[in-house]
Protein backbone atom coordinates (compact mmCIF):
# COMPACT_ATOMS: atom_id res chain seq x y z
CA MET A 1 -0.10 0.07 -0.08
CA THR A 2 1.12 3.18 -0.68
CA ALA A 3 -0.42 6.68 -1.45
CA THR A 4 -1.52 7.37 -4.93
CA GLY A 5 -0.42 11.03 -4.68
CA ARG A 6 -2.93 14.35 -3.74
CA SER A 7 -6.10 15.81 -5.69
CA GLY A 8 -9.65 16.71 -5.15
CA VAL A 9 -11.56 20.19 -5.33
CA VAL A 10 -12.47 21.84 -2.74
CA GLU A 11 -15.94 23.40 -2.43
CA ARG A 12 -15.56 26.24 -0.34
CA HIS A 13 -18.06 27.97 2.27
CA GLY A 14 -16.62 30.74 3.81
CA GLY A 15 -13.25 32.63 5.30
CA ARG A 16 -10.03 31.24 6.14
CA GLY A 17 -8.59 30.78 10.44
CA THR A 18 -5.65 32.05 11.69
CA ARG A 19 -5.01 29.54 13.83
CA THR A 20 -3.28 26.27 14.16
CA ALA A 21 -4.62 23.58 14.23
CA GLY A 22 -3.58 19.82 15.94
CA SER A 23 -1.63 19.07 17.97
CA GLY A 24 1.71 17.44 19.01
CA ASP A 25 4.64 17.68 16.47
CA ALA A 26 4.04 17.53 12.73
CA ASP A 27 5.52 14.05 11.71
CA GLY A 28 3.39 12.58 14.68
CA GLY A 29 7.23 10.95 15.96
CA ALA A 30 9.03 10.01 13.30
CA HIS A 31 10.70 7.50 15.85
CA THR A 32 7.53 5.49 16.70
CA VAL A 33 6.49 2.32 15.22
CA ARG A 34 2.54 3.58 14.92
CA ARG A 35 -0.41 1.04 14.54
CA ALA A 36 -4.18 0.83 12.16
CA TYR A 37 -6.77 -1.43 12.50
CA VAL A 38 -9.20 -1.66 9.77
CA GLY A 39 -12.89 -3.57 9.71
CA SER A 40 -14.80 -4.37 7.33
CA PHE A 41 -17.90 -6.48 6.04
CA THR A 42 -16.77 -10.25 5.74
CA SER A 43 -20.29 -10.40 4.06
CA ALA A 44 -18.95 -8.15 1.16
CA GLY A 45 -15.77 -9.50 0.60
CA GLY A 46 -14.15 -7.88 3.52
CA LEU A 47 -10.94 -9.35 5.10
CA GLY A 48 -12.03 -9.09 8.42
CA VAL A 49 -9.51 -7.19 10.47
CA THR A 50 -6.99 -6.03 8.89
CA ALA A 51 -3.76 -4.48 10.76
CA ALA A 52 -1.46 -2.31 9.55
CA ARG A 53 1.78 -0.29 10.27
CA LEU A 54 1.51 3.83 9.98
CA ASP A 55 4.42 6.21 9.33
CA PRO A 56 4.26 9.01 10.49
CA ARG A 57 5.62 10.98 8.16
CA THR A 58 3.59 9.59 5.28
CA GLY A 59 0.35 8.98 6.88
CA ALA A 60 0.69 6.18 5.01
CA LEU A 61 -0.01 2.08 6.07
CA THR A 62 0.98 -0.57 4.97
CA PRO A 63 -0.51 -4.04 5.69
CA THR A 64 0.64 -6.17 8.27
CA GLY A 65 -1.95 -9.23 8.37
CA SER A 66 -5.24 -9.68 8.66
CA THR A 67 -8.30 -11.80 10.01
CA ALA A 68 -11.97 -12.69 9.14
CA GLU A 69 -12.75 -15.58 12.03
CA VAL A 70 -15.40 -13.01 13.06
CA ALA A 71 -18.16 -12.54 10.69
CA ASP A 72 -18.45 -8.17 10.32
CA PRO A 73 -16.35 -7.20 12.18
CA SER A 74 -17.73 -3.33 11.29
CA PHE A 75 -16.19 -1.38 14.19
CA LEU A 76 -13.37 -1.22 16.32
CA ALA A 77 -11.73 0.06 19.76
CA LEU A 78 -8.67 -0.09 21.21
CA GLY A 79 -8.81 -1.65 25.35
CA PRO A 80 -6.21 0.76 27.60
CA GLY A 81 -2.75 0.19 26.54
CA GLY A 82 -4.18 -0.45 22.90
CA ALA A 83 -2.61 -4.55 23.62
CA VAL A 84 -6.74 -5.70 23.13
CA LEU A 85 -8.44 -5.06 20.34
CA TYR A 86 -12.25 -4.83 20.29
CA ALA A 87 -14.53 -5.87 17.44
CA VAL A 88 -18.40 -5.98 17.18
CA SER A 89 -19.61 -8.98 14.49
CA GLU A 90 -22.80 -7.08 12.43
CA THR A 91 -25.09 -9.59 12.45
CA ASP A 92 -28.59 -11.05 13.62
CA GLU A 93 -26.76 -13.02 16.62
CA GLY A 94 -24.41 -9.70 17.54
CA ALA A 95 -21.91 -10.24 19.11
CA VAL A 96 -18.30 -8.72 20.50
CA ALA A 97 -14.80 -10.31 19.95
CA ALA A 98 -11.44 -9.24 21.42
CA PHE A 99 -8.15 -10.05 19.74
CA ASP A 100 -4.23 -9.47 20.65
CA THR A 101 -2.56 -6.85 18.98
CA THR A 102 1.33 -7.51 19.97
CA GLY A 103 1.76 -9.43 16.96
CA PRO A 104 1.72 -8.37 12.89
CA ALA A 105 -1.42 -10.36 12.31
CA PRO A 106 -4.62 -9.20 15.18
CA ARG A 107 -5.12 -12.86 16.97
CA LEU A 108 -8.72 -14.08 18.28
CA LEU A 109 -9.06 -13.69 22.22
CA GLY A 110 -11.73 -17.08 22.97
CA ALA A 111 -14.91 -17.09 21.17
CA PRO A 112 -16.86 -13.91 20.11
CA ARG A 113 -19.24 -13.04 22.47
CA PRO A 114 -23.45 -12.22 22.25
CA VAL A 115 -24.04 -9.48 23.75
CA GLY A 116 -27.79 -9.55 23.85
CA GLY A 117 -28.83 -7.91 21.25
CA SER A 118 -28.73 -8.08 16.86
CA GLY A 119 -27.11 -6.19 14.75
CA PRO A 120 -23.82 -4.51 16.90
CA THR A 121 -23.25 -1.37 15.38
CA HIS A 122 -20.75 0.41 18.11
CA LEU A 123 -18.73 -0.34 20.84
CA ALA A 124 -16.37 1.25 23.42
CA HIS A 125 -14.21 0.78 26.55
CA THR A 126 -15.05 1.82 29.83
CA ALA A 127 -14.87 1.31 34.01
CA GLY A 128 -14.10 -1.80 33.25
CA HIS A 129 -16.22 -2.74 30.37
CA LEU A 130 -17.35 -3.31 27.20
CA VAL A 131 -20.90 -1.39 26.07
CA THR A 132 -22.33 -1.80 22.39
CA ALA A 133 -24.99 -0.31 20.52
CA HIS A 134 -27.61 -1.84 18.65
CA TYR A 135 -28.82 -1.47 15.21
CA GLY A 136 -31.02 -4.29 14.92
CA SER A 137 -32.86 -4.77 17.80
CA GLY A 138 -32.97 -1.21 19.29
CA GLY A 139 -30.98 -1.66 23.05
CA VAL A 140 -27.62 -1.05 24.72
CA SER A 141 -25.50 -3.73 26.45
CA ALA A 142 -22.44 -3.80 28.89
CA LEU A 143 -20.24 -6.55 29.63
CA PRO A 144 -16.98 -6.84 32.00
CA VAL A 145 -13.79 -7.69 30.77
CA GLY A 146 -12.15 -9.87 32.15
CA ALA A 147 -7.91 -9.82 33.13
CA ASP A 148 -7.04 -11.49 29.99
CA GLY A 149 -9.15 -8.41 28.12
CA THR A 150 -11.65 -10.94 26.66
CA PRO A 151 -15.57 -9.63 27.62
CA GLY A 152 -17.87 -12.19 29.66
CA PRO A 153 -21.64 -11.88 30.48
CA VAL A 154 -24.09 -9.94 29.50
CA THR A 155 -24.79 -7.43 32.71
CA GLY A 156 -26.40 -5.11 31.17
CA LEU A 157 -29.15 -4.41 29.03
CA VAL A 158 -30.96 -1.05 28.51
CA ARG A 159 -34.00 -2.00 25.56
CA HIS A 160 -35.13 1.56 23.35
CA ARG A 161 -38.91 2.10 22.56
CA GLY A 162 -40.09 4.30 19.94
CA SER A 163 -40.15 5.32 16.95
CA GLY A 164 -39.43 7.77 14.40
CA PRO A 165 -42.23 9.63 11.00
CA ASP A 166 -39.68 8.02 8.08
CA PRO A 167 -41.93 4.74 8.03
CA GLU A 168 -39.16 3.11 6.32
CA ARG A 169 -36.10 4.17 8.57
CA GLN A 170 -37.42 4.36 11.95
CA SER A 171 -40.29 2.29 12.51
CA ALA A 172 -38.56 0.88 15.62
CA PRO A 173 -35.72 2.18 18.24
CA HIS A 174 -32.02 1.95 15.82
CA ALA A 175 -29.42 2.40 19.18
CA HIS A 176 -26.15 3.75 16.45
CA GLN A 177 -23.33 4.14 19.35
CA VAL A 178 -22.92 4.47 22.38
CA VAL A 179 -19.99 7.33 23.70
CA PRO A 180 -18.82 7.36 27.35
CA ALA A 181 -19.47 10.79 28.89
CA PRO A 182 -16.65 12.77 30.51
CA ASP A 183 -18.03 12.48 34.16
CA GLY A 184 -18.92 8.27 33.14
CA SER A 185 -22.20 8.88 32.22
CA LEU A 186 -23.13 7.31 28.31
CA LEU A 187 -24.79 8.40 26.09
CA THR A 188 -26.38 6.68 23.01
CA VAL A 189 -27.46 7.08 20.03
CA ASP A 190 -30.99 6.10 18.63
CA LEU A 191 -31.22 6.40 14.52
CA GLY A 192 -34.91 5.40 14.85
CA THR A 193 -36.27 7.50 18.00
CA ASP A 194 -34.66 10.15 16.71
CA SER A 195 -33.44 10.82 20.25
CA VAL A 196 -30.37 10.29 22.18
CA ARG A 197 -30.32 8.49 25.85
CA VAL A 198 -28.29 9.65 28.70
CA CYS A 199 -27.43 5.96 30.88
CA ALA A 200 -25.47 5.61 34.09
CA LEU A 201 -23.03 1.74 34.27
CA ASP A 202 -22.54 0.60 37.80
CA PRO A 203 -18.87 -0.30 37.83
CA ALA A 204 -19.61 -2.26 40.33
CA THR A 205 -22.51 -4.70 38.94
CA GLY A 206 -22.29 -3.88 34.98
CA GLY A 207 -25.86 -2.94 35.19
CA LEU A 208 -27.74 -0.02 33.55
CA THR A 209 -30.04 2.58 33.62
CA VAL A 210 -31.18 5.27 31.47
CA ARG A 211 -30.81 8.40 33.46
CA GLY A 212 -32.87 10.39 30.97
CA GLU A 213 -33.82 11.00 26.98
CA THR A 214 -33.42 13.83 24.70
CA ALA A 215 -35.82 14.36 21.90
CA LEU A 216 -34.01 15.38 18.44
CA ARG A 217 -35.69 16.84 15.60
CA PRO A 218 -37.96 14.95 13.90
CA GLY A 219 -37.06 12.85 10.81
CA SER A 220 -33.44 14.01 11.33
CA GLY A 221 -32.53 9.81 12.58
CA PRO A 222 -29.21 10.85 14.21
CA ARG A 223 -26.32 8.37 14.06
CA HIS A 224 -22.90 9.45 15.71
CA LEU A 225 -22.22 13.21 18.49
CA ALA A 226 -18.77 13.56 19.49
CA PHE A 227 -17.85 15.66 23.18
CA HIS A 228 -15.96 19.01 22.03
CA PRO A 229 -12.45 18.51 23.87
CA SER A 230 -13.33 20.65 27.13
CA GLY A 231 -16.54 18.51 27.77
CA ALA A 232 -18.83 21.02 27.64
CA TYR A 233 -20.53 20.93 24.24
CA VAL A 234 -21.58 17.56 22.17
CA TYR A 235 -22.01 17.43 18.29
CA VAL A 236 -24.45 14.82 17.33
CA LEU A 237 -24.44 14.17 13.09
CA SER A 238 -27.86 13.32 11.63
CA GLU A 239 -28.45 10.71 8.76
CA LEU A 240 -31.26 11.78 7.69
CA ALA A 241 -31.68 14.95 7.88
CA PRO A 242 -28.36 15.79 6.94
CA THR A 243 -27.00 18.64 9.81
CA LEU A 244 -25.24 18.80 13.15
CA THR A 245 -26.72 19.71 16.01
CA VAL A 246 -24.55 21.51 18.42
CA CYS A 247 -25.72 20.85 22.05
CA ARG A 248 -24.61 21.47 25.39
CA TRP A 249 -24.42 19.30 28.13
CA GLU A 250 -25.08 20.23 31.36
CA ALA A 251 -23.11 16.72 33.40
CA ARG A 252 -24.16 17.83 36.68
CA THR A 253 -28.20 16.32 35.65
CA GLY A 254 -26.62 14.23 33.40
CA ALA A 255 -29.22 16.82 30.20
CA LEU A 256 -27.96 17.33 26.66
CA VAL A 257 -29.44 21.03 25.72
CA PRO A 258 -30.13 21.50 21.51
CA LEU A 259 -29.09 24.29 20.79
CA GLY A 260 -29.64 24.44 16.92
CA ASP A 261 -28.05 22.94 13.35
CA VAL A 262 -26.18 23.19 11.30
CA ARG A 263 -26.82 21.89 7.15
CA LEU A 264 -24.31 19.95 5.97
CA ARG A 265 -25.32 20.16 2.08
CA PRO A 266 -26.65 22.66 0.10
CA PRO A 267 -31.17 23.14 0.91
CA ARG A 268 -31.04 21.85 -3.05
CA ALA A 269 -28.28 19.49 -3.54
CA PRO A 270 -28.37 16.99 -6.41
CA GLY A 271 -28.68 12.90 -5.00
CA VAL A 272 -28.74 11.98 -2.14
CA GLY A 273 -26.63 12.99 1.18
CA TYR A 274 -25.70 10.31 4.81
CA PRO A 275 -23.58 11.45 6.52
CA SER A 276 -22.01 9.18 8.21
CA ALA A 277 -18.85 9.79 11.13
CA LEU A 278 -17.28 13.12 12.81
CA ALA A 279 -14.28 13.74 13.99
CA VAL A 280 -13.53 16.26 16.69
CA SER A 281 -9.81 18.56 16.07
CA PRO A 282 -8.26 17.91 19.67
CA ASP A 283 -7.95 21.91 19.99
CA GLY A 284 -11.59 22.36 19.40
CA ARG A 285 -11.11 24.39 16.42
CA PHE A 286 -12.82 21.91 14.04
CA VAL A 287 -15.30 19.33 12.90
CA TRP A 288 -15.22 16.88 10.19
CA ALA A 289 -18.79 15.33 8.72
CA ALA A 290 -18.11 12.54 6.32
CA VAL A 291 -21.17 12.42 4.07
CA ARG A 292 -21.90 9.58 2.02
CA GLY A 293 -23.49 9.73 -1.59
CA ASP A 294 -22.18 13.77 -2.25
CA ASP A 295 -19.10 11.09 -0.47
CA THR A 296 -17.31 14.65 1.26
CA LEU A 297 -15.71 15.64 4.06
CA ALA A 298 -17.20 18.96 5.54
CA VAL A 299 -15.63 20.55 7.18
CA LEU A 300 -17.03 23.41 10.07
CA GLU A 301 -14.78 25.47 12.06
CA LEU A 302 -16.16 25.62 16.01
CA ASP A 303 -16.32 29.44 17.62
CA GLY A 304 -14.02 30.21 20.80
CA ASP A 305 -15.73 28.11 23.30
CA GLY A 306 -17.37 25.39 20.57
CA GLU A 307 -21.39 27.06 21.11
CA ARG A 308 -21.32 27.54 16.83
CA ALA A 309 -20.52 25.64 14.04
CA ARG A 310 -19.49 27.41 10.38
CA PRO A 311 -19.20 25.60 7.45
CA VAL A 312 -16.26 26.41 5.82
CA ALA A 313 -15.28 23.82 2.89
CA ALA A 314 -17.19 20.38 1.33
CA VAL A 315 -13.74 18.06 0.11
CA PRO A 316 -14.15 15.60 -2.02
CA THR A 317 -13.54 12.19 -0.57
CA GLY A 318 -11.88 10.28 -3.31
CA GLY A 319 -13.60 7.11 -3.04
CA HIS A 320 -17.27 6.22 -2.84
CA TRP A 321 -19.16 5.77 0.35
CA PRO A 322 -17.46 7.14 3.33
CA ARG A 323 -18.29 5.13 6.13
CA ASP A 324 -15.85 5.41 8.87
CA LEU A 325 -13.44 8.20 9.28
CA THR A 326 -10.45 9.56 12.51
CA TYR A 327 -8.35 12.23 13.56
CA ASP A 328 -4.34 11.18 14.74
CA PRO A 329 -3.37 14.43 16.23
CA ARG A 330 0.05 13.01 16.05
CA GLY A 331 0.05 13.82 12.45
CA ARG A 332 -2.43 16.20 12.05
CA ARG A 333 -4.51 14.22 9.38
CA LEU A 334 -7.79 12.39 8.24
CA TYR A 335 -8.70 8.75 7.84
CA VAL A 336 -11.46 8.10 6.12
CA ALA A 337 -12.71 4.46 5.80
CA HIS A 338 -14.57 3.72 2.22
CA GLU A 339 -17.23 0.58 2.70
CA ARG A 340 -17.79 0.76 -0.85
CA SER A 341 -15.35 1.80 -2.75
CA GLY A 342 -12.69 -0.09 -0.40
CA ASP A 343 -10.01 1.45 0.43
CA VAL A 344 -8.66 3.68 3.26
CA THR A 345 -8.04 7.41 2.14
CA TRP A 346 -6.20 9.90 4.52
CA PHE A 347 -5.90 13.74 4.39
CA ASP A 348 -3.10 15.78 5.77
CA VAL A 349 -5.24 19.13 7.57
CA ASP A 350 -4.69 22.79 6.14
CA PRO A 351 -3.50 23.36 9.77
CA ARG A 352 -4.62 27.23 9.55
CA THR A 353 -7.82 26.29 7.95
CA GLY A 354 -9.02 22.72 8.41
CA VAL A 355 -9.34 21.64 5.15
CA PRO A 356 -7.80 18.92 4.49
CA SER A 357 -6.31 17.47 1.63
CA ARG A 358 -5.75 13.72 0.39
CA ALA A 359 -2.20 12.84 0.29
CA GLY A 360 -2.91 8.62 -0.24
CA ALA A 361 -4.89 5.82 -0.19
CA ALA A 362 -4.68 2.05 0.48
CA PRO A 363 -7.04 -0.56 -0.91
CA ALA A 364 -9.18 -2.44 2.00
CA PRO A 365 -12.33 -4.57 0.62
CA ALA A 366 -15.55 -3.21 2.40
CA ALA A 367 -13.77 -1.19 4.58
CA SER A 368 -16.60 -0.13 7.64
CA CYS A 369 -13.94 1.39 10.64
CA VAL A 370 -10.58 2.83 10.76
CA VAL A 371 -8.26 3.75 14.22
CA LEU A 372 -5.64 4.61 15.35
CA ALA A 373 -2.94 3.19 17.66
């Protein structure tokens, strides 16, 4: 896998900033061995979970090995220290698996563990547990992680209830993501119910309880969210209405307060545009959102405290159907996983404007997720 050169036309929506994005030095630590992990849909020809070396100078990815022992490992998350990698198995049965990352290829640690729901699409490691969001059955579960890094049986399960106005996509709950908040709460994003729930995880028992629920615009179909580095604001990305909703996070009460929406596509844009994933710069100056169909990265500039977002550019991703993206703060780069064109593309981010420019791509059939170590 090598870089394929720089390309891409930028559609600008506004002026340029003057501050510096990112943190760490531009080489991302030139003498440090970096790793990346790519999840994929084995049912669509993906290789399962692939490990790759990351060149900190160029951003290029070089594969070192793959494993397809787990079906459709569509989303990945690293455990503390990075020695264990976790993956959902996005199947009707629904499971989570752990992999040892010390070798050139991920090595499965024990049998995949059922998560108590169907079609899990997201997971996170927090407070000694794995928490998973189930798109198919509409819920969230918690599984304790043992000393060897493997997950145990489900200890907590919350089943979402409700629906939305879109009869095809919102006839039932569809939990799409679960994210730990800075205070230890869990925020679960449900596309089917147009809402974000706030849950509490009991670290001692692994039990889950719902503390509250924030309703978003009917028919918006929220999919993913991310916190501002200050922890004071949350950005919710909606799939059915291509918008970014800025919310205030009130940790004391566990409430999410919507403040306003920002469109990610022009009002009469042709074709379809389904936002999929977002990333926030570590300095809190920029938000990037991947939009499938348009196959673009929407670039938004945040104000001083993160309360307002302003669109500044739309950059072609150079592939088809960008399902996931992640920001590398040590390299000032964005990585995008293209599901339908089957590749991972990396971009250098302009430290002044936040606008990314395509720097290279590597084949990755049916890619669905990319994480960096």
